[in-house]
PDB file of N, CA and C in Angstrom:
ATOM      1  N   MET A   1     -86.505 -29.958  97.518  1.00  0.00           N
ATOM      2  CA  MET A   1     -86.760 -28.585  97.901  1.00  0.00           C
ATOM      3  C   MET A   1     -87.346 -27.770  96.757  1.00  0.00           C
ATOM      4  N   LYS A   2     -87.066 -28.158  95.549  1.00  0.00           N
ATOM      5  CA  LYS A   2     -87.517 -27.350  94.416  1.00  0.00           C
ATOM      6  C   LYS A   2     -89.028 -27.370  94.235  1.00  0.00           C
ATOM      7  N   GLU A   3     -89.706 -28.295  94.914  1.00  0.00           N
ATOM      8  CA  GLU A   3     -91.163 -28.343  94.825  1.00  0.00           C
ATOM      9  C   GLU A   3     -91.808 -27.091  95.409  1.00  0.00           C
ATOM     10  N   ILE A   4     -91.072 -26.334  96.211  1.00  0.00           N
ATOM     11  CA  ILE A   4     -91.630 -25.097  96.761  1.00  0.00           C
ATOM     12  C   ILE A   4     -91.914 -24.073  95.665  1.00  0.00           C
ATOM     13  N   PHE A   5     -91.298 -24.243  94.497  1.00  0.00           N
ATOM     14  CA  PHE A   5     -91.494 -23.306  93.397  1.00  0.00           C
ATOM     15  C   PHE A   5     -92.609 -23.712  92.440  1.00  0.00           C
ATOM     16  N   GLU A   6     -93.196 -24.887  92.613  1.00  0.00           N
ATOM     17  CA  GLU A   6     -94.169 -25.403  91.653  1.00  0.00           C
ATOM     18  C   GLU A   6     -95.323 -24.448  91.375  1.00  0.00           C
ATOM     19  N   LYS A   7     -95.790 -23.737  92.385  1.00  0.00           N
ATOM     20  CA  LYS A   7     -96.928 -22.834  92.204  1.00  0.00           C
ATOM     21  C   LYS A   7     -96.508 -21.374  92.023  1.00  0.00           C
ATOM     22  N   CYS A   8     -95.209 -21.104  92.045  1.00  0.00           N
ATOM     23  CA  CYS A   8     -94.736 -19.728  91.926  1.00  0.00           C
ATOM     24  C   CYS A   8     -94.912 -19.208  90.500  1.00  0.00           C
ATOM     25  N   GLU A   9     -95.327 -17.964  90.421  1.00  0.00           N
ATOM     26  CA  GLU A   9     -95.605 -17.347  89.123  1.00  0.00           C
ATOM     27  C   GLU A   9     -94.667 -16.191  88.806  1.00  0.00           C
ATOM     28  N   GLY A  10     -93.743 -15.890  89.686  1.00  0.00           N
ATOM     29  CA  GLY A  10     -92.841 -14.771  89.432  1.00  0.00           C
ATOM     30  C   GLY A  10     -92.256 -14.247  90.723  1.00  0.00           C
ATOM     31  N   PHE A  11     -91.854 -12.986  90.682  1.00  0.00           N
ATOM     32  CA  PHE A  11     -91.197 -12.349  91.813  1.00  0.00           C
ATOM     33  C   PHE A  11     -91.992 -11.137  92.266  1.00  0.00           C
ATOM     34  N   GLN A  12     -91.883 -10.824  93.541  1.00  0.00           N
ATOM     35  CA  GLN A  12     -92.563  -9.664  94.099  1.00  0.00           C
ATOM     36  C   GLN A  12     -91.527  -8.588  94.398  1.00  0.00           C
ATOM     37  N   TRP A  13     -91.617  -7.479  93.699  1.00  0.00           N
ATOM     38  CA  TRP A  13     -90.758  -6.325  93.944  1.00  0.00           C
ATOM     39  C   TRP A  13     -91.671  -5.138  94.217  1.00  0.00           C
ATOM     40  N   ASP A  14     -91.510  -4.513  95.351  1.00  0.00           N
ATOM     41  CA  ASP A  14     -92.302  -3.332  95.675  1.00  0.00           C
ATOM     42  C   ASP A  14     -91.410  -2.348  96.422  1.00  0.00           C
ATOM     43  N   ALA A  15     -91.998  -1.285  96.928  1.00  0.00           N
ATOM     44  CA  ALA A  15     -91.214  -0.247  97.606  1.00  0.00           C
ATOM     45  C   ALA A  15     -90.418  -0.805  98.779  1.00  0.00           C
ATOM     46  N   GLY A  16     -90.896  -1.877  99.386  1.00  0.00           N
ATOM     47  CA  GLY A  16     -90.206  -2.450 100.535  1.00  0.00           C
ATOM     48  C   GLY A  16     -88.943  -3.210 100.208  1.00  0.00           C
ATOM     49  N   ASN A  17     -88.821  -3.713  98.971  1.00  0.00           N
ATOM     50  CA  ASN A  17     -87.636  -4.517  98.667  1.00  0.00           C
ATOM     51  C   ASN A  17     -87.022  -4.240  97.298  1.00  0.00           C
ATOM     52  N   SER A  18     -87.511  -3.253  96.551  1.00  0.00           N
ATOM     53  CA  SER A  18     -87.056  -3.086  95.177  1.00  0.00           C
ATOM     54  C   SER A  18     -85.611  -2.617  95.038  1.00  0.00           C
ATOM     55  N   ASN A  19     -85.127  -1.776  95.924  1.00  0.00           N
ATOM     56  CA  ASN A  19     -83.750  -1.276  95.797  1.00  0.00           C
ATOM     57  C   ASN A  19     -82.850  -1.648  96.965  1.00  0.00           C
ATOM     58  N   LYS A  20     -83.384  -2.357  97.928  1.00  0.00           N
ATOM     59  CA  LYS A  20     -82.642  -2.654  99.156  1.00  0.00           C
ATOM     60  C   LYS A  20     -81.334  -3.399  98.879  1.00  0.00           C
ATOM     61  N   ASN A  21     -81.366  -4.436  98.060  1.00  0.00           N
ATOM     62  CA  ASN A  21     -80.169  -5.237  97.803  1.00  0.00           C
ATOM     63  C   ASN A  21     -79.143  -4.482  96.968  1.00  0.00           C
ATOM     64  N   LEU A  22     -79.618  -3.624  96.084  1.00  0.00           N
ATOM     65  CA  LEU A  22     -78.707  -2.805  95.288  1.00  0.00           C
ATOM     66  C   LEU A  22     -77.974  -1.813  96.189  1.00  0.00           C
ATOM     67  N   ILE A  23     -78.713  -1.166  97.065  1.00  0.00           N
ATOM     68  CA  ILE A  23     -78.115  -0.170  97.964  1.00  0.00           C
ATOM     69  C   ILE A  23     -77.166  -0.826  98.968  1.00  0.00           C
ATOM     70  N   LYS A  24     -77.603  -1.910  99.600  1.00  0.00           N
ATOM     71  CA  LYS A  24     -76.798  -2.535 100.651  1.00  0.00           C
ATOM     72  C   LYS A  24     -75.649  -3.393 100.135  1.00  0.00           C
ATOM     73  N   HIS A  25     -75.884  -4.119  99.015  1.00  0.00           N
ATOM     74  CA  HIS A  25     -74.920  -5.140  98.592  1.00  0.00           C
ATOM     75  C   HIS A  25     -74.541  -5.080  97.109  1.00  0.00           C
ATOM     76  N   SER A  26     -75.006  -4.052  96.395  1.00  0.00           N
ATOM     77  CA  SER A  26     -74.723  -3.896  94.950  1.00  0.00           C
ATOM     78  C   SER A  26     -75.202  -5.090  94.134  1.00  0.00           C
ATOM     79  N   VAL A  27     -76.343  -5.648  94.522  1.00  0.00           N
ATOM     80  CA  VAL A  27     -76.943  -6.769  93.796  1.00  0.00           C
ATOM     81  C   VAL A  27     -78.234  -6.253  93.147  1.00  0.00           C
ATOM     82  N   THR A  28     -78.329  -6.384  91.832  1.00  0.00           N
ATOM     83  CA  THR A  28     -79.513  -5.911  91.118  1.00  0.00           C
ATOM     84  C   THR A  28     -80.655  -6.917  91.222  1.00  0.00           C
ATOM     85  N   ASN A  29     -81.871  -6.463  90.970  1.00  0.00           N
ATOM     86  CA  ASN A  29     -83.016  -7.374  90.989  1.00  0.00           C
ATOM     87  C   ASN A  29     -82.879  -8.490  89.954  1.00  0.00           C
ATOM     88  N   PRO A  30     -82.454  -8.189  88.718  1.00  0.00           N
ATOM     89  CA  PRO A  30     -82.259  -9.300  87.768  1.00  0.00           C
ATOM     90  C   PRO A  30     -81.241 -10.335  88.257  1.00  0.00           C
ATOM     91  N   GLU A  31     -80.176  -9.905  88.913  1.00  0.00           N
ATOM     92  CA  GLU A  31     -79.210 -10.863  89.468  1.00  0.00           C
ATOM     93  C   GLU A  31     -79.874 -11.731  90.528  1.00  0.00           C
ATOM     94  N   CYS A  32     -80.691 -11.113  91.378  1.00  0.00           N
ATOM     95  CA  CYS A  32     -81.412 -11.869  92.409  1.00  0.00           C
ATOM     96  C   CYS A  32     -82.260 -12.957  91.774  1.00  0.00           C
ATOM     97  N   GLU A  33     -82.948 -12.631  90.708  1.00  0.00           N
ATOM     98  CA  GLU A  33     -83.829 -13.594  90.042  1.00  0.00           C
ATOM     99  C   GLU A  33     -83.051 -14.694  89.332  1.00  0.00           C
ATOM    100  N   GLN A  34     -81.917 -14.350  88.747  1.00  0.00           N
ATOM    101  CA  GLN A  34     -81.130 -15.326  87.981  1.00  0.00           C
ATOM    102  C   GLN A  34     -80.712 -16.535  88.805  1.00  0.00           C
ATOM    103  N   VAL A  35     -80.400 -16.329  90.077  1.00  0.00           N
ATOM    104  CA  VAL A  35     -79.910 -17.453  90.882  1.00  0.00           C
ATOM    105  C   VAL A  35     -80.955 -18.548  91.050  1.00  0.00           C
ATOM    106  N   PHE A  36     -82.225 -18.230  90.840  1.00  0.00           N
ATOM    107  CA  PHE A  36     -83.281 -19.239  90.953  1.00  0.00           C
ATOM    108  C   PHE A  36     -83.347 -20.138  89.715  1.00  0.00           C
ATOM    109  N   PHE A  37     -82.724 -19.719  88.630  1.00  0.00           N
ATOM    110  CA  PHE A  37     -82.818 -20.451  87.366  1.00  0.00           C
ATOM    111  C   PHE A  37     -81.515 -21.115  86.939  1.00  0.00           C
ATOM    112  N   ASN A  38     -80.407 -20.709  87.518  1.00  0.00           N
ATOM    113  CA  ASN A  38     -79.107 -21.269  87.144  1.00  0.00           C
ATOM    114  C   ASN A  38     -78.753 -22.420  88.071  1.00  0.00           C
ATOM    115  N   GLN A  39     -78.297 -23.503  87.483  1.00  0.00           N
ATOM    116  CA  GLN A  39     -77.916 -24.689  88.249  1.00  0.00           C
ATOM    117  C   GLN A  39     -76.407 -24.728  88.421  1.00  0.00           C
ATOM    118  N   PRO A  40     -75.921 -25.281  89.493  1.00  0.00           N
ATOM    119  CA  PRO A  40     -76.672 -25.861  90.601  1.00  0.00           C
ATOM    120  C   PRO A  40     -77.171 -24.780  91.551  1.00  0.00           C
ATOM    121  N   ILE A  41     -78.151 -25.147  92.318  1.00  0.00           N
ATOM    122  CA  ILE A  41     -78.743 -24.256  93.304  1.00  0.00           C
ATOM    123  C   ILE A  41     -78.908 -25.056  94.598  1.00  0.00           C
ATOM    124  N   ILE A  42     -78.624 -24.425  95.712  1.00  0.00           N
ATOM    125  CA  ILE A  42     -78.800 -25.060  97.015  1.00  0.00           C
ATOM    126  C   ILE A  42     -79.833 -24.245  97.776  1.00  0.00           C
ATOM    127  N   ILE A  43     -80.874 -24.913  98.251  1.00  0.00           N
ATOM    128  CA  ILE A  43     -81.936 -24.253  99.007  1.00  0.00           C
ATOM    129  C   ILE A  43     -82.061 -24.959 100.349  1.00  0.00           C
ATOM    130  N   VAL A  44     -82.072 -24.155 101.410  1.00  0.00           N
ATOM    131  CA  VAL A  44     -82.141 -24.695 102.760  1.00  0.00           C
ATOM    132  C   VAL A  44     -83.238 -23.967 103.529  1.00  0.00           C
ATOM    133  N   ASP A  45     -83.995 -24.733 104.278  1.00  0.00           N
ATOM    134  CA  ASP A  45     -85.029 -24.184 105.148  1.00  0.00           C
ATOM    135  C   ASP A  45     -84.373 -23.290 106.202  1.00  0.00           C
ATOM    136  N   ASP A  46     -84.829 -22.056 106.316  1.00  0.00           N
ATOM    137  CA  ASP A  46     -84.280 -21.115 107.286  1.00  0.00           C
ATOM    138  C   ASP A  46     -85.200 -21.061 108.507  1.00  0.00           C
ATOM    139  N   SER A  47     -85.248 -22.152 109.245  1.00  0.00           N
ATOM    140  CA  SER A  47     -86.172 -22.259 110.377  1.00  0.00           C
ATOM    141  C   SER A  47     -85.867 -21.243 111.473  1.00  0.00           C
ATOM    142  N   LYS A  48     -84.638 -20.836 111.589  1.00  0.00           N
ATOM    143  CA  LYS A  48     -84.249 -19.858 112.612  1.00  0.00           C
ATOM    144  C   LYS A  48     -84.952 -18.512 112.413  1.00  0.00           C
ATOM    145  N   HIS A  49     -85.227 -18.157 111.152  1.00  0.00           N
ATOM    146  CA  HIS A  49     -85.842 -16.865 110.841  1.00  0.00           C
ATOM    147  C   HIS A  49     -87.249 -17.015 110.273  1.00  0.00           C
ATOM    148  N   SER A  50     -87.904 -18.118 110.558  1.00  0.00           N
ATOM    149  CA  SER A  50     -89.229 -18.394 110.000  1.00  0.00           C
ATOM    150  C   SER A  50     -90.348 -18.252 111.024  1.00  0.00           C
ATOM    151  N   GLU A  51     -90.182 -17.382 111.980  1.00  0.00           N
ATOM    152  CA  GLU A  51     -91.196 -17.255 113.023  1.00  0.00           C
ATOM    153  C   GLU A  51     -92.508 -16.659 112.499  1.00  0.00           C
ATOM    154  N   GLN A  52     -92.429 -15.570 111.723  1.00  0.00           N
ATOM    155  CA  GLN A  52     -93.639 -14.923 111.225  1.00  0.00           C
ATOM    156  C   GLN A  52     -94.086 -15.474 109.882  1.00  0.00           C
ATOM    157  N   GLU A  53     -93.144 -15.887 109.055  1.00  0.00           N
ATOM    158  CA  GLU A  53     -93.461 -16.505 107.770  1.00  0.00           C
ATOM    159  C   GLU A  53     -92.330 -17.450 107.395  1.00  0.00           C
ATOM    160  N   LYS A  54     -92.636 -18.434 106.585  1.00  0.00           N
ATOM    161  CA  LYS A  54     -91.659 -19.439 106.153  1.00  0.00           C
ATOM    162  C   LYS A  54     -90.587 -18.781 105.289  1.00  0.00           C
ATOM    163  N   ARG A  55     -89.331 -19.048 105.623  1.00  0.00           N
ATOM    164  CA  ARG A  55     -88.210 -18.501 104.855  1.00  0.00           C
ATOM    165  C   ARG A  55     -87.229 -19.606 104.493  1.00  0.00           C
ATOM    166  N   TRP A  56     -86.533 -19.364 103.405  1.00  0.00           N
ATOM    167  CA  TRP A  56     -85.470 -20.244 102.941  1.00  0.00           C
ATOM    168  C   TRP A  56     -84.256 -19.392 102.609  1.00  0.00           C
ATOM    169  N   PHE A  57     -83.085 -20.030 102.606  1.00  0.00           N
ATOM    170  CA  PHE A  57     -81.949 -19.338 102.001  1.00  0.00           C
ATOM    171  C   PHE A  57     -81.416 -20.181 100.868  1.00  0.00           C
ATOM    172  N   LEU A  58     -80.744 -19.512  99.975  1.00  0.00           N
ATOM    173  CA  LEU A  58     -80.328 -20.109  98.723  1.00  0.00           C
ATOM    174  C   LEU A  58     -78.882 -19.741  98.438  1.00  0.00           C
ATOM    175  N   LEU A  59     -78.154 -20.682  97.888  1.00  0.00           N
ATOM    176  CA  LEU A  59     -76.817 -20.426  97.356  1.00  0.00           C
ATOM    177  C   LEU A  59     -76.887 -20.713  95.874  1.00  0.00           C
ATOM    178  N   GLY A  60     -76.479 -19.747  95.063  1.00  0.00           N
ATOM    179  CA  GLY A  60     -76.552 -19.937  93.614  1.00  0.00           C
ATOM    180  C   GLY A  60     -75.678 -18.937  92.883  1.00  0.00           C
ATOM    181  N   ARG A  61     -75.752 -19.007  91.538  1.00  0.00           N
ATOM    182  CA  ARG A  61     -74.929 -18.128  90.708  1.00  0.00           C
ATOM    183  C   ARG A  61     -75.777 -17.346  89.719  1.00  0.00           C
ATOM    184  N   THR A  62     -75.286 -16.179  89.381  1.00  0.00           N
ATOM    185  CA  THR A  62     -75.931 -15.359  88.361  1.00  0.00           C
ATOM    186  C   THR A  62     -75.460 -15.805  86.977  1.00  0.00           C
ATOM    187  N   ASP A  63     -76.006 -15.187  85.956  1.00  0.00           N
ATOM    188  CA  ASP A  63     -75.580 -15.491  84.583  1.00  0.00           C
ATOM    189  C   ASP A  63     -74.110 -15.127  84.357  1.00  0.00           C
ATOM    190  N   GLN A  64     -73.590 -14.200  85.163  1.00  0.00           N
ATOM    191  CA  GLN A  64     -72.195 -13.765  85.042  1.00  0.00           C
ATOM    192  C   GLN A  64     -71.284 -14.494  86.032  1.00  0.00           C
ATOM    193  N   ASP A  65     -71.777 -15.612  86.596  1.00  0.00           N
ATOM    194  CA  ASP A  65     -71.026 -16.417  87.573  1.00  0.00           C
ATOM    195  C   ASP A  65     -70.685 -15.656  88.849  1.00  0.00           C
ATOM    196  N   ARG A  66     -71.568 -14.784  89.253  1.00  0.00           N
ATOM    197  CA  ARG A  66     -71.447 -14.140  90.563  1.00  0.00           C
ATOM    198  C   ARG A  66     -72.136 -15.056  91.565  1.00  0.00           C
ATOM    199  N   PHE A  67     -71.455 -15.412  92.625  1.00  0.00           N
ATOM    200  CA  PHE A  67     -71.980 -16.347  93.616  1.00  0.00           C
ATOM    201  C   PHE A  67     -72.743 -15.564  94.687  1.00  0.00           C
ATOM    202  N   LEU A  68     -74.054 -15.844  94.796  1.00  0.00           N
ATOM    203  CA  LEU A  68     -74.898 -15.095  95.719  1.00  0.00           C
ATOM    204  C   LEU A  68     -75.532 -15.977  96.787  1.00  0.00           C
ATOM    205  N   PHE A  69     -75.735 -15.366  97.936  1.00  0.00           N
ATOM    206  CA  PHE A  69     -76.513 -15.912  99.043  1.00  0.00           C
ATOM    207  C   PHE A  69     -77.781 -15.071  99.086  1.00  0.00           C
ATOM    208  N   ALA A  70     -78.941 -15.719  99.098  1.00  0.00           N
ATOM    209  CA  ALA A  70     -80.207 -14.979  99.136  1.00  0.00           C
ATOM    210  C   ALA A  70     -81.144 -15.601 100.157  1.00  0.00           C
ATOM    211  N   VAL A  71     -81.905 -14.758 100.822  1.00  0.00           N
ATOM    212  CA  VAL A  71     -82.959 -15.189 101.725  1.00  0.00           C
ATOM    213  C   VAL A  71     -84.269 -14.796 101.064  1.00  0.00           C
ATOM    214  N   PHE A  72     -85.239 -15.724 101.049  1.00  0.00           N
ATOM    215  CA  PHE A  72     -86.499 -15.428 100.384  1.00  0.00           C
ATOM    216  C   PHE A  72     -87.665 -16.088 101.094  1.00  0.00           C
ATOM    217  N   THR A  73     -88.843 -15.623 100.751  1.00  0.00           N
ATOM    218  CA  THR A  73     -90.088 -16.214 101.205  1.00  0.00           C
ATOM    219  C   THR A  73     -91.011 -16.287  99.996  1.00  0.00           C
ATOM    220  N   ILE A  74     -92.139 -16.921 100.153  1.00  0.00           N
ATOM    221  CA  ILE A  74     -93.126 -16.970  99.078  1.00  0.00           C
ATOM    222  C   ILE A  74     -94.422 -16.385  99.611  1.00  0.00           C
ATOM    223  N   ARG A  75     -94.908 -15.376  98.905  1.00  0.00           N
ATOM    224  CA  ARG A  75     -96.158 -14.715  99.272  1.00  0.00           C
ATOM    225  C   ARG A  75     -97.099 -14.739  98.078  1.00  0.00           C
ATOM    226  N   GLU A  76     -98.241 -15.357  98.279  1.00  0.00           N
ATOM    227  CA  GLU A  76     -99.272 -15.412  97.234  1.00  0.00           C
ATOM    228  C   GLU A  76     -98.694 -15.833  95.883  1.00  0.00           C
ATOM    229  N   GLU A  77     -97.958 -16.926  95.871  1.00  0.00           N
ATOM    230  CA  GLU A  77     -97.377 -17.533  94.670  1.00  0.00           C
ATOM    231  C   GLU A  77     -96.315 -16.672  93.995  1.00  0.00           C
ATOM    232  N   LEU A  78     -95.726 -15.740  94.755  1.00  0.00           N
ATOM    233  CA  LEU A  78     -94.631 -14.911  94.256  1.00  0.00           C
ATOM    234  C   LEU A  78     -93.428 -15.057  95.186  1.00  0.00           C
ATOM    235  N   ILE A  79     -92.255 -15.132  94.600  1.00  0.00           N
ATOM    236  CA  ILE A  79     -91.024 -15.200  95.375  1.00  0.00           C
ATOM    237  C   ILE A  79     -90.658 -13.781  95.783  1.00  0.00           C
ATOM    238  N   ARG A  80     -90.491 -13.574  97.072  1.00  0.00           N
ATOM    239  CA  ARG A  80     -90.080 -12.262  97.585  1.00  0.00           C
ATOM    240  C   ARG A  80     -88.693 -12.426  98.184  1.00  0.00           C
ATOM    241  N   ILE A  81     -87.726 -11.767  97.574  1.00  0.00           N
ATOM    242  CA  ILE A  81     -86.353 -11.837  98.046  1.00  0.00           C
ATOM    243  C   ILE A  81     -86.181 -10.822  99.171  1.00  0.00           C
ATOM    244  N   ILE A  82     -85.812 -11.327 100.316  1.00  0.00           N
ATOM    245  CA  ILE A  82     -85.652 -10.496 101.506  1.00  0.00           C
ATOM    246  C   ILE A  82     -84.267  -9.855 101.521  1.00  0.00           C
ATOM    247  N   SER A  83     -83.265 -10.633 101.150  1.00  0.00           N
ATOM    248  CA  SER A  83     -81.899 -10.135 101.135  1.00  0.00           C
ATOM    249  C   SER A  83     -81.076 -10.951 100.140  1.00  0.00           C
ATOM    250  N   ALA A  84     -80.143 -10.285  99.467  1.00  0.00           N
ATOM    251  CA  ALA A  84     -79.218 -10.971  98.560  1.00  0.00           C
ATOM    252  C   ALA A  84     -77.869 -10.264  98.634  1.00  0.00           C
ATOM    253  N   ARG A  85     -76.828 -11.068  98.683  1.00  0.00           N
ATOM    254  CA  ARG A  85     -75.469 -10.540  98.786  1.00  0.00           C
ATOM    255  C   ARG A  85     -74.504 -11.572  98.228  1.00  0.00           C
ATOM    256  N   ASP A  86     -73.257 -11.173  98.055  1.00  0.00           N
ATOM    257  CA  ASP A  86     -72.232 -12.128  97.642  1.00  0.00           C
ATOM    258  C   ASP A  86     -72.028 -13.164  98.743  1.00  0.00           C
ATOM    259  N   MET A  87     -71.778 -14.401  98.326  1.00  0.00           N
ATOM    260  CA  MET A  87     -71.472 -15.448  99.302  1.00  0.00           C
ATOM    261  C   MET A  87     -70.189 -15.096 100.036  1.00  0.00           C
ATOM    262  N   ASN A  88     -70.167 -15.422 101.324  1.00  0.00           N
ATOM    263  CA  ASN A  88     -68.910 -15.280 102.051  1.00  0.00           C
ATOM    264  C   ASN A  88     -68.050 -16.523 101.785  1.00  0.00           C
ATOM    265  N   LYS A  89     -66.865 -16.542 102.330  1.00  0.00           N
ATOM    266  CA  LYS A  89     -65.921 -17.634 102.061  1.00  0.00           C
ATOM    267  C   LYS A  89     -66.493 -18.996 102.455  1.00  0.00           C
ATOM    268  N   LYS A  90     -67.094 -19.083 103.645  1.00  0.00           N
ATOM    269  CA  LYS A  90     -67.633 -20.357 104.123  1.00  0.00           C
ATOM    270  C   LYS A  90     -68.795 -20.826 103.234  1.00  0.00           C
ATOM    271  N   GLU A  91     -69.680 -19.924 102.850  1.00  0.00           N
ATOM    272  CA  GLU A  91     -70.808 -20.279 101.988  1.00  0.00           C
ATOM    273  C   GLU A  91     -70.319 -20.766 100.629  1.00  0.00           C
ATOM    274  N   ARG A  92     -69.304 -20.106 100.118  1.00  0.00           N
ATOM    275  CA  ARG A  92     -68.752 -20.517  98.816  1.00  0.00           C
ATOM    276  C   ARG A  92     -68.115 -21.898  98.914  1.00  0.00           C
ATOM    277  N   GLU A  93     -67.449 -22.193 100.026  1.00  0.00           N
ATOM    278  CA  GLU A  93     -66.864 -23.527 100.239  1.00  0.00           C
ATOM    279  C   GLU A  93     -67.970 -24.585 100.270  1.00  0.00           C
ATOM    280  N   ILE A  94     -69.055 -24.293 100.977  1.00  0.00           N
ATOM    281  CA  ILE A  94     -70.190 -25.221 101.041  1.00  0.00           C
ATOM    282  C   ILE A  94     -70.766 -25.433  99.653  1.00  0.00           C
ATOM    283  N   TYR A  95     -70.954 -24.361  98.919  1.00  0.00           N
ATOM    284  CA  TYR A  95     -71.507 -24.443  97.563  1.00  0.00           C
ATOM    285  C   TYR A  95     -70.606 -25.292  96.662  1.00  0.00           C
ATOM    286  N   ASN A  96     -69.327 -25.004  96.683  1.00  0.00           N
ATOM    287  CA  ASN A  96     -68.385 -25.758  95.837  1.00  0.00           C
ATOM    288  C   ASN A  96     -68.314 -27.226  96.240  1.00  0.00           C
ATOM    289  N   GLU A  97     -68.419 -27.510  97.533  1.00  0.00           N
ATOM    290  CA  GLU A  97     -68.416 -28.897  98.008  1.00  0.00           C
ATOM    291  C   GLU A  97     -69.658 -29.640  97.507  1.00  0.00           C
ATOM    292  N   GLU A  98     -70.800 -28.982  97.537  1.00  0.00           N
ATOM    293  CA  GLU A  98     -72.037 -29.594  97.043  1.00  0.00           C
ATOM    294  C   GLU A  98     -71.965 -29.847  95.539  1.00  0.00           C
ATOM    295  N   ILE A  99     -71.383 -28.911  94.816  1.00  0.00           N
ATOM    296  CA  ILE A  99     -71.215 -29.097  93.367  1.00  0.00           C
ATOM    297  C   ILE A  99     -70.338 -30.313  93.106  1.00  0.00           C
ATOM    298  N   LYS A 100     -69.264 -30.433  93.881  1.00  0.00           N
ATOM    299  CA  LYS A 100     -68.343 -31.556  93.718  1.00  0.00           C
ATOM    300  C   LYS A 100     -69.068 -32.877  93.983  1.00  0.00           C
ATOM    301  N   LYS A 101     -69.881 -32.926  95.046  1.00  0.00           N
ATOM    302  CA  LYS A 101     -70.640 -34.145  95.369  1.00  0.00           C
ATOM    303  C   LYS A 101     -71.584 -34.518  94.241  1.00  0.00           C
ATOM    304  N   ASP A 102     -72.297 -33.523  93.712  1.00  0.00           N
ATOM    305  CA  ASP A 102     -73.255 -33.786  92.654  1.00  0.00           C
ATOM    306  C   ASP A 102     -72.580 -34.277  91.372  1.00  0.00           C
ATOM    307  N   SER A 103     -71.384 -33.779  91.102  1.00  0.00           N
ATOM    308  CA  SER A 103     -70.712 -34.184  89.856  1.00  0.00           C
ATOM    309  C   SER A 103     -70.090 -35.567  89.954  1.00  0.00           C
ATOM    310  N   GLU A 104     -69.979 -36.107  91.169  1.00  0.00           N
ATOM    311  CA  GLU A 104     -69.399 -37.438  91.347  1.00  0.00           C
ATOM    312  C   GLU A 104     -70.361 -38.549  90.972  1.00  0.00           C
ATOM    313  N   PHE A 105     -71.653 -38.242  90.857  1.00  0.00           N
ATOM    314  CA  PHE A 105     -72.653 -39.256  90.550  1.00  0.00           C
ATOM    315  C   PHE A 105     -72.882 -39.374  89.089  1.00  0.00           C
TER     316      PHE A 105
END
């Protein structure tokens, strides 16, 4: 899944998404970006919400070990975060289970 980032050059923040996550979920833009660089990261195709454009969701952590769920798309080689919030209990269980699987190898 990480091959989707090969051509990405950064993040897209504009009036449409620059403060939305901070206002709705108290997640800053730098926190949103951090989850793309901190391992482990889980990325899943969000086919249910990909009617107009391709979307993915991500489970990851910030530099301060805040566990986030984010929905994103890629526009013109830029990652555009549609939504970011704290993981709910089920998402955190999935994330921790995946970490456990990866560490067993």
